[in-house]
């Protein structure tokens, strides 16, 4: 079976419901974290623990979504962006968003995926994970604007 690539509407509906705020998505260039670019990467596996998909978020989306779901003030998200890393509570909040985002892969007729682990923005990414985010092909790259919190980049990458 194949892995389902979530469409922008699915992502928007999921984020709107989870964050309880209006969310606007627009097309974006592929997000490609470099060695010095803070990024959050969620790794999704199938039932045989094979890595099948990633969701990569820039630091801005990571902080803003992590703050919005926890009703953390916008100033704390901006401070995290300025510091170049997510504080632990914001990283845990974002991990919950990324865990629930696994549901967008799981449609009838597609492989079942689940969240395996999350690399939060801040520490250097494992080089293999970073290289995997550069995969071309089946991916969806969007710019996400969360009402009251601001915007950031998010990419869904099928491997």
N, C-alpha and C. Protein backbone atom coordinates (compact mmCIF):
# COMPACT_ATOMS: atom_id res chain seq x y z
N UNK A 1 0.83 -1.18 0.00
CA UNK A 1 0.00 0.00 0.00
C UNK A 1 0.87 1.24 0.00
N UNK A 2 0.25 2.32 -0.33
CA UNK A 2 0.95 3.59 -0.37
C UNK A 2 0.60 4.42 0.87
N UNK A 3 1.42 5.41 1.12
CA UNK A 3 1.16 6.34 2.20
C UNK A 3 0.37 7.51 1.63
N UNK A 4 -0.64 7.92 2.35
CA UNK A 4 -1.47 9.05 1.92
C UNK A 4 -0.74 10.36 2.22
N UNK A 5 -0.69 11.24 1.22
CA UNK A 5 -0.12 12.57 1.40
C UNK A 5 -1.26 13.51 1.80
N UNK A 6 -1.24 14.02 3.04
CA UNK A 6 -2.32 14.93 3.46
C UNK A 6 -2.37 16.16 2.55
N UNK A 7 -3.58 16.57 2.23
CA UNK A 7 -3.78 17.75 1.40
C UNK A 7 -3.87 18.99 2.29
N UNK A 8 -3.61 20.17 1.72
CA UNK A 8 -3.66 21.39 2.55
C UNK A 8 -4.96 21.56 3.32
N UNK A 9 -6.09 21.21 2.72
CA UNK A 9 -7.37 21.36 3.45
C UNK A 9 -7.39 20.47 4.69
N UNK A 10 -6.87 19.25 4.58
CA UNK A 10 -6.82 18.37 5.75
C UNK A 10 -5.96 19.00 6.85
N UNK A 11 -4.81 19.54 6.45
CA UNK A 11 -3.91 20.16 7.42
C UNK A 11 -4.56 21.39 8.06
N UNK A 12 -5.21 22.20 7.24
CA UNK A 12 -5.88 23.41 7.78
C UNK A 12 -6.98 23.02 8.75
N UNK A 13 -7.82 22.05 8.36
CA UNK A 13 -8.92 21.63 9.24
C UNK A 13 -8.37 21.08 10.56
N UNK A 14 -7.34 20.27 10.48
CA UNK A 14 -6.74 19.69 11.69
C UNK A 14 -6.21 20.79 12.61
N UNK A 15 -5.43 21.71 12.04
CA UNK A 15 -4.84 22.77 12.86
C UNK A 15 -5.89 23.73 13.41
N UNK A 16 -6.90 24.02 12.62
CA UNK A 16 -7.99 24.90 13.10
C UNK A 16 -8.69 24.26 14.29
N UNK A 17 -9.00 22.97 14.18
CA UNK A 17 -9.67 22.27 15.28
C UNK A 17 -8.78 22.18 16.52
N UNK A 18 -7.52 21.81 16.32
CA UNK A 18 -6.62 21.63 17.45
C UNK A 18 -6.30 22.93 18.17
N UNK A 19 -6.05 23.96 17.41
CA UNK A 19 -5.60 25.22 17.99
C UNK A 19 -6.76 26.12 18.40
N UNK A 20 -7.98 25.81 17.91
CA UNK A 20 -9.13 26.62 18.25
C UNK A 20 -9.04 28.03 17.72
N UNK A 21 -8.37 28.18 16.60
CA UNK A 21 -8.17 29.49 15.98
C UNK A 21 -8.26 29.34 14.47
N UNK A 22 -8.51 30.45 13.80
CA UNK A 22 -8.46 30.43 12.35
C UNK A 22 -7.03 30.16 11.91
N UNK A 23 -6.89 29.32 10.91
CA UNK A 23 -5.59 28.97 10.36
C UNK A 23 -5.68 29.12 8.85
N UNK A 24 -4.73 29.82 8.28
CA UNK A 24 -4.68 30.02 6.84
C UNK A 24 -3.41 29.36 6.30
N UNK A 25 -3.58 28.59 5.23
CA UNK A 25 -2.43 27.95 4.59
C UNK A 25 -2.23 28.55 3.21
N UNK A 26 -0.99 28.70 2.82
CA UNK A 26 -0.67 29.14 1.47
C UNK A 26 0.54 28.33 0.99
N UNK A 27 0.65 28.15 -0.33
CA UNK A 27 1.79 27.37 -0.85
C UNK A 27 3.11 28.03 -0.47
N UNK A 28 4.11 27.19 -0.30
CA UNK A 28 5.43 27.68 0.09
C UNK A 28 6.49 26.89 -0.65
N UNK A 29 7.68 27.44 -0.69
CA UNK A 29 8.79 26.67 -1.22
C UNK A 29 9.13 25.58 -0.21
N UNK A 30 9.77 24.50 -0.64
CA UNK A 30 10.09 23.42 0.29
C UNK A 30 10.96 23.92 1.45
N UNK A 31 10.55 23.54 2.66
CA UNK A 31 11.34 23.87 3.84
C UNK A 31 12.50 22.90 3.92
N UNK A 32 13.71 23.43 3.91
CA UNK A 32 14.92 22.60 3.90
C UNK A 32 15.84 23.07 5.02
N UNK A 33 15.73 22.46 6.20
CA UNK A 33 16.59 22.90 7.30
C UNK A 33 18.06 22.62 7.00
N UNK A 34 18.88 23.61 7.26
CA UNK A 34 20.33 23.44 7.11
C UNK A 34 20.94 23.02 8.43
N UNK A 35 22.25 22.81 8.47
CA UNK A 35 22.90 22.37 9.71
C UNK A 35 22.70 23.36 10.87
N UNK A 36 22.54 24.63 10.55
CA UNK A 36 22.38 25.64 11.60
C UNK A 36 20.97 26.22 11.66
N UNK A 37 20.02 25.56 11.00
CA UNK A 37 18.64 26.03 10.99
C UNK A 37 17.83 25.26 12.02
N UNK A 38 17.35 25.93 13.08
CA UNK A 38 16.52 25.21 14.04
C UNK A 38 15.22 24.74 13.37
N UNK A 39 14.91 23.48 13.54
CA UNK A 39 13.71 22.91 12.94
C UNK A 39 13.21 21.76 13.82
N UNK A 40 11.91 21.60 13.84
CA UNK A 40 11.31 20.45 14.49
C UNK A 40 10.99 19.44 13.40
N UNK A 41 11.33 18.18 13.64
CA UNK A 41 11.02 17.12 12.68
C UNK A 41 10.34 15.97 13.43
N UNK A 42 9.14 15.65 12.97
CA UNK A 42 8.40 14.50 13.50
C UNK A 42 8.60 13.33 12.55
N UNK A 43 8.86 12.17 13.10
CA UNK A 43 9.12 10.96 12.31
C UNK A 43 7.95 10.01 12.49
N UNK A 44 7.38 9.57 11.38
CA UNK A 44 6.22 8.67 11.39
C UNK A 44 6.63 7.32 10.79
N UNK A 45 6.17 6.25 11.44
CA UNK A 45 6.52 4.90 11.00
C UNK A 45 5.25 4.11 10.71
N UNK A 46 5.44 3.05 9.92
CA UNK A 46 4.33 2.14 9.66
C UNK A 46 4.34 1.03 10.71
N UNK A 47 3.49 0.03 10.53
CA UNK A 47 3.37 -1.03 11.54
C UNK A 47 4.63 -1.88 11.66
N UNK A 48 5.52 -1.85 10.66
CA UNK A 48 6.78 -2.59 10.75
C UNK A 48 7.94 -1.69 11.18
N UNK A 49 7.61 -0.52 11.68
CA UNK A 49 8.57 0.48 12.18
C UNK A 49 9.48 1.06 11.10
N UNK A 50 9.06 0.95 9.86
CA UNK A 50 9.80 1.59 8.77
C UNK A 50 9.40 3.05 8.71
N UNK A 51 10.39 3.94 8.63
CA UNK A 51 10.09 5.37 8.52
C UNK A 51 9.48 5.64 7.15
N UNK A 52 8.28 6.23 7.17
CA UNK A 52 7.54 6.45 5.92
C UNK A 52 7.24 7.91 5.65
N UNK A 53 7.26 8.74 6.70
CA UNK A 53 6.92 10.15 6.49
C UNK A 53 7.56 11.01 7.57
N UNK A 54 7.70 12.28 7.24
CA UNK A 54 8.21 13.29 8.17
C UNK A 54 7.31 14.51 8.09
N UNK A 55 7.21 15.22 9.20
CA UNK A 55 6.67 16.57 9.17
C UNK A 55 7.77 17.45 9.74
N UNK A 56 8.22 18.40 8.92
CA UNK A 56 9.28 19.32 9.31
C UNK A 56 8.68 20.71 9.47
N UNK A 57 9.01 21.37 10.57
CA UNK A 57 8.48 22.70 10.86
C UNK A 57 9.64 23.64 11.16
N UNK A 58 9.56 24.85 10.63
CA UNK A 58 10.59 25.81 11.00
C UNK A 58 10.37 26.26 12.46
N UNK A 59 11.32 26.98 12.99
CA UNK A 59 11.23 27.39 14.40
C UNK A 59 10.01 28.28 14.63
N UNK A 60 9.69 29.15 13.67
CA UNK A 60 8.55 30.05 13.84
C UNK A 60 7.25 29.26 14.00
N UNK A 61 7.00 28.30 13.11
CA UNK A 61 5.78 27.49 13.25
C UNK A 61 5.84 26.68 14.53
N UNK A 62 6.98 26.10 14.83
CA UNK A 62 7.12 25.27 16.03
C UNK A 62 6.72 26.06 17.28
N UNK A 63 7.26 27.26 17.42
CA UNK A 63 6.98 28.06 18.61
C UNK A 63 5.53 28.54 18.62
N UNK A 64 5.06 28.99 17.48
CA UNK A 64 3.70 29.56 17.44
C UNK A 64 2.64 28.49 17.64
N UNK A 65 2.78 27.34 17.02
CA UNK A 65 1.80 26.27 17.21
C UNK A 65 1.90 25.71 18.63
N UNK A 66 3.13 25.54 19.13
CA UNK A 66 3.31 25.05 20.49
C UNK A 66 2.73 26.00 21.52
N UNK A 67 2.79 27.28 21.26
CA UNK A 67 2.21 28.27 22.17
C UNK A 67 0.69 28.33 22.02
N UNK A 68 0.22 28.32 20.79
CA UNK A 68 -1.23 28.47 20.55
C UNK A 68 -2.03 27.34 21.17
N UNK A 69 -1.56 26.10 21.07
CA UNK A 69 -2.35 25.00 21.63
C UNK A 69 -2.35 25.03 23.15
N UNK A 70 -1.32 25.58 23.75
CA UNK A 70 -1.26 25.66 25.20
C UNK A 70 -1.71 27.00 25.76
N UNK A 71 -2.24 27.87 24.89
CA UNK A 71 -2.67 29.22 25.29
C UNK A 71 -1.55 29.99 25.99
N UNK A 72 -0.33 29.74 25.53
CA UNK A 72 0.84 30.46 26.03
C UNK A 72 0.87 31.82 25.33
N UNK A 73 1.20 32.90 26.04
CA UNK A 73 1.21 34.21 25.40
C UNK A 73 2.15 34.26 24.17
N UNK A 74 1.73 35.07 23.21
CA UNK A 74 2.52 35.23 21.99
C UNK A 74 3.95 35.67 22.31
N UNK A 75 4.12 36.49 23.33
CA UNK A 75 5.46 36.97 23.70
C UNK A 75 6.41 35.82 24.03
N UNK A 76 5.89 34.75 24.63
CA UNK A 76 6.74 33.60 24.93
C UNK A 76 7.18 32.89 23.65
N UNK A 77 6.27 32.84 22.66
CA UNK A 77 6.64 32.23 21.37
C UNK A 77 7.71 33.08 20.69
N UNK A 78 7.54 34.39 20.73
CA UNK A 78 8.53 35.28 20.11
C UNK A 78 9.88 35.16 20.83
N UNK A 79 9.85 34.99 22.15
CA UNK A 79 11.11 34.81 22.90
C UNK A 79 11.80 33.52 22.49
N UNK A 80 11.03 32.45 22.29
CA UNK A 80 11.61 31.17 21.87
C UNK A 80 12.25 31.31 20.49
N UNK A 81 11.59 32.05 19.61
CA UNK A 81 12.14 32.26 18.26
C UNK A 81 13.45 33.04 18.39
N UNK A 82 13.46 34.05 19.23
CA UNK A 82 14.68 34.84 19.44
C UNK A 82 15.81 34.03 20.04
N UNK A 83 15.45 33.08 20.91
CA UNK A 83 16.45 32.23 21.56
C UNK A 83 16.95 31.11 20.63
N UNK A 84 16.20 30.83 19.56
CA UNK A 84 16.62 29.80 18.62
C UNK A 84 16.32 28.38 19.07
N UNK A 85 15.42 28.24 20.06
CA UNK A 85 15.08 26.89 20.53
C UNK A 85 13.74 26.93 21.26
N UNK A 86 13.07 25.77 21.26
CA UNK A 86 11.80 25.65 21.96
C UNK A 86 12.04 25.28 23.42
N UNK A 87 11.39 25.99 24.34
CA UNK A 87 11.44 25.52 25.73
C UNK A 87 10.65 24.21 25.83
N UNK A 88 10.96 23.42 26.85
CA UNK A 88 10.36 22.09 26.97
C UNK A 88 8.83 22.09 26.93
N UNK A 89 8.14 22.97 27.68
CA UNK A 89 6.66 22.92 27.61
C UNK A 89 6.12 23.18 26.21
N UNK A 90 6.73 24.12 25.49
CA UNK A 90 6.29 24.42 24.12
C UNK A 90 6.59 23.23 23.20
N UNK A 91 7.74 22.58 23.40
CA UNK A 91 8.07 21.39 22.59
C UNK A 91 7.09 20.25 22.87
N UNK A 92 6.69 20.09 24.13
CA UNK A 92 5.71 19.04 24.45
C UNK A 92 4.36 19.36 23.83
N UNK A 93 3.96 20.62 23.85
CA UNK A 93 2.70 21.01 23.21
C UNK A 93 2.74 20.73 21.72
N UNK A 94 3.85 21.08 21.08
CA UNK A 94 3.97 20.85 19.64
C UNK A 94 3.98 19.35 19.34
N UNK A 95 4.62 18.56 20.19
CA UNK A 95 4.63 17.10 19.99
C UNK A 95 3.21 16.55 20.00
N UNK A 96 2.35 17.13 20.84
CA UNK A 96 0.95 16.67 20.86
C UNK A 96 0.27 17.00 19.53
N UNK A 97 0.52 18.19 19.00
CA UNK A 97 -0.04 18.55 17.68
C UNK A 97 0.45 17.56 16.63
N UNK A 98 1.75 17.26 16.65
CA UNK A 98 2.32 16.37 15.64
C UNK A 98 1.85 14.93 15.83
N UNK A 99 1.56 14.54 17.04
CA UNK A 99 1.01 13.21 17.29
C UNK A 99 -0.39 13.10 16.67
N UNK A 100 -1.21 14.09 16.90
CA UNK A 100 -2.57 14.07 16.34
C UNK A 100 -2.51 14.21 14.82
N UNK A 101 -1.50 14.88 14.31
CA UNK A 101 -1.35 15.02 12.86
C UNK A 101 -1.16 13.69 12.15
N UNK A 102 -0.79 12.65 12.88
CA UNK A 102 -0.68 11.31 12.27
C UNK A 102 -2.00 10.88 11.68
N UNK A 103 -3.10 11.39 12.23
CA UNK A 103 -4.43 10.99 11.72
C UNK A 103 -4.62 11.41 10.26
N UNK A 104 -3.90 12.43 9.80
CA UNK A 104 -4.08 12.87 8.42
C UNK A 104 -3.49 11.87 7.42
N UNK A 105 -2.60 11.00 7.87
CA UNK A 105 -2.03 9.97 6.98
C UNK A 105 -2.96 8.76 6.87
N UNK A 106 -3.78 8.58 7.90
CA UNK A 106 -4.53 7.33 8.04
C UNK A 106 -5.93 7.44 7.42
N UNK A 107 -5.97 7.15 6.14
CA UNK A 107 -7.23 7.14 5.39
C UNK A 107 -7.43 5.72 4.86
N UNK A 108 -8.68 5.36 4.53
CA UNK A 108 -8.91 4.01 4.00
C UNK A 108 -8.05 3.72 2.76
N UNK A 109 -7.47 2.54 2.73
CA UNK A 109 -6.67 2.12 1.59
C UNK A 109 -5.21 2.53 1.66
N UNK A 110 -4.82 3.25 2.70
CA UNK A 110 -3.42 3.69 2.82
C UNK A 110 -2.78 2.99 4.02
N UNK A 111 -1.45 2.96 4.01
CA UNK A 111 -0.73 2.40 5.15
C UNK A 111 -1.05 3.19 6.41
N UNK A 112 -1.10 2.48 7.53
CA UNK A 112 -1.33 3.12 8.83
C UNK A 112 0.01 3.63 9.36
N UNK A 113 0.06 4.91 9.69
CA UNK A 113 1.28 5.50 10.26
C UNK A 113 0.99 6.01 11.66
N UNK A 114 2.06 6.04 12.47
CA UNK A 114 1.97 6.63 13.80
C UNK A 114 3.25 7.39 14.09
N UNK A 115 3.12 8.34 15.03
CA UNK A 115 4.28 9.14 15.40
C UNK A 115 5.27 8.24 16.13
N UNK A 116 6.53 8.29 15.71
CA UNK A 116 7.58 7.50 16.34
C UNK A 116 8.39 8.37 17.30
N UNK A 117 8.83 9.53 16.84
CA UNK A 117 9.56 10.46 17.70
C UNK A 117 9.55 11.85 17.10
N UNK A 118 9.88 12.80 17.97
CA UNK A 118 9.94 14.21 17.55
C UNK A 118 11.30 14.76 17.94
N UNK A 119 11.96 15.39 16.98
CA UNK A 119 13.21 16.12 17.22
C UNK A 119 12.81 17.59 17.35
N UNK A 120 12.80 18.15 18.58
CA UNK A 120 12.36 19.54 18.73
C UNK A 120 13.40 20.54 18.21
N UNK A 121 12.91 21.69 17.79
CA UNK A 121 13.79 22.75 17.30
C UNK A 121 14.71 23.22 18.41
N UNK A 122 15.96 23.37 18.09
CA UNK A 122 16.95 23.85 19.04
C UNK A 122 18.25 23.08 18.90
N UNK A 123 18.27 21.85 19.45
CA UNK A 123 19.52 21.08 19.30
C UNK A 123 19.75 20.75 17.82
N UNK A 124 21.00 20.54 17.42
CA UNK A 124 21.25 20.18 16.02
C UNK A 124 20.50 18.90 15.66
N UNK A 125 19.93 18.91 14.45
CA UNK A 125 19.22 17.73 13.97
C UNK A 125 20.21 16.62 13.64
N UNK A 126 19.77 15.39 13.87
CA UNK A 126 20.53 14.24 13.40
C UNK A 126 20.73 14.43 11.89
N UNK A 127 21.98 14.31 11.38
CA UNK A 127 22.22 14.57 9.96
C UNK A 127 21.35 13.71 9.03
N UNK A 128 21.10 12.46 9.40
CA UNK A 128 20.27 11.61 8.54
C UNK A 128 18.83 12.11 8.48
N UNK A 129 18.31 12.58 9.61
CA UNK A 129 16.96 13.13 9.64
C UNK A 129 16.91 14.40 8.80
N UNK A 130 17.93 15.27 8.98
CA UNK A 130 17.96 16.52 8.21
C UNK A 130 18.02 16.24 6.72
N UNK A 131 18.83 15.30 6.31
CA UNK A 131 18.94 14.96 4.89
C UNK A 131 17.60 14.42 4.37
N UNK A 132 16.91 13.65 5.20
CA UNK A 132 15.62 13.09 4.77
C UNK A 132 14.59 14.20 4.52
N UNK A 133 14.71 15.33 5.23
CA UNK A 133 13.75 16.42 5.00
C UNK A 133 13.96 17.07 3.63
N UNK A 134 15.09 16.79 3.01
CA UNK A 134 15.40 17.39 1.71
C UNK A 134 14.86 16.55 0.56
N UNK A 135 14.17 15.46 0.86
CA UNK A 135 13.64 14.58 -0.16
C UNK A 135 12.65 15.32 -1.06
N UNK A 136 12.84 15.15 -2.33
CA UNK A 136 11.91 15.72 -3.30
C UNK A 136 10.90 14.65 -3.69
N UNK A 137 9.85 15.04 -4.32
CA UNK A 137 8.85 14.07 -4.75
C UNK A 137 7.53 14.32 -4.05
N UNK A 138 7.04 13.31 -3.38
CA UNK A 138 5.73 13.43 -2.73
C UNK A 138 5.89 14.21 -1.42
N UNK A 139 5.55 15.46 -1.49
CA UNK A 139 5.61 16.33 -0.31
C UNK A 139 4.62 17.46 -0.47
N UNK A 140 4.26 18.04 0.63
CA UNK A 140 3.36 19.20 0.65
C UNK A 140 4.05 20.26 1.49
N UNK A 141 4.27 21.42 0.91
CA UNK A 141 4.96 22.51 1.59
C UNK A 141 4.01 23.69 1.70
N UNK A 142 3.76 24.12 2.91
CA UNK A 142 2.81 25.20 3.13
C UNK A 142 3.37 26.20 4.14
N UNK A 143 2.82 27.39 4.04
CA UNK A 143 3.10 28.45 5.00
C UNK A 143 1.82 28.58 5.82
N UNK A 144 1.93 28.44 7.12
CA UNK A 144 0.76 28.38 8.00
C UNK A 144 0.70 29.66 8.83
N UNK A 145 -0.43 30.34 8.76
CA UNK A 145 -0.64 31.55 9.56
C UNK A 145 -1.72 31.24 10.60
N UNK A 146 -1.35 31.29 11.87
CA UNK A 146 -2.25 31.01 12.99
C UNK A 146 -2.74 32.35 13.53
N UNK A 147 -4.06 32.56 13.49
CA UNK A 147 -4.62 33.84 13.94
C UNK A 147 -4.17 34.17 15.35
N UNK A 148 -3.62 35.35 15.52
CA UNK A 148 -3.17 35.82 16.82
C UNK A 148 -1.76 35.40 17.20
N UNK A 149 -1.18 34.49 16.41
CA UNK A 149 0.17 34.00 16.74
C UNK A 149 1.19 34.22 15.62
N UNK A 150 0.73 34.25 14.38
CA UNK A 150 1.65 34.48 13.29
C UNK A 150 1.92 33.24 12.47
N UNK A 151 2.92 33.33 11.62
CA UNK A 151 3.11 32.33 10.57
C UNK A 151 4.45 31.61 10.67
N UNK A 152 4.50 30.47 9.98
CA UNK A 152 5.71 29.69 9.88
C UNK A 152 5.54 28.63 8.81
N UNK A 153 6.61 27.93 8.53
CA UNK A 153 6.63 26.93 7.46
C UNK A 153 6.45 25.52 8.01
N UNK A 154 5.73 24.71 7.24
CA UNK A 154 5.50 23.31 7.58
C UNK A 154 5.58 22.51 6.29
N UNK A 155 6.29 21.38 6.35
CA UNK A 155 6.39 20.49 5.19
C UNK A 155 6.07 19.07 5.61
N UNK A 156 5.25 18.41 4.80
CA UNK A 156 4.96 16.99 4.97
C UNK A 156 5.72 16.27 3.87
N UNK A 157 6.56 15.32 4.26
CA UNK A 157 7.43 14.64 3.30
C UNK A 157 7.20 13.14 3.40
N UNK A 158 6.87 12.51 2.27
CA UNK A 158 6.74 11.05 2.24
C UNK A 158 8.08 10.47 1.79
N UNK A 159 8.49 9.40 2.45
CA UNK A 159 9.78 8.78 2.12
C UNK A 159 9.57 7.46 1.40
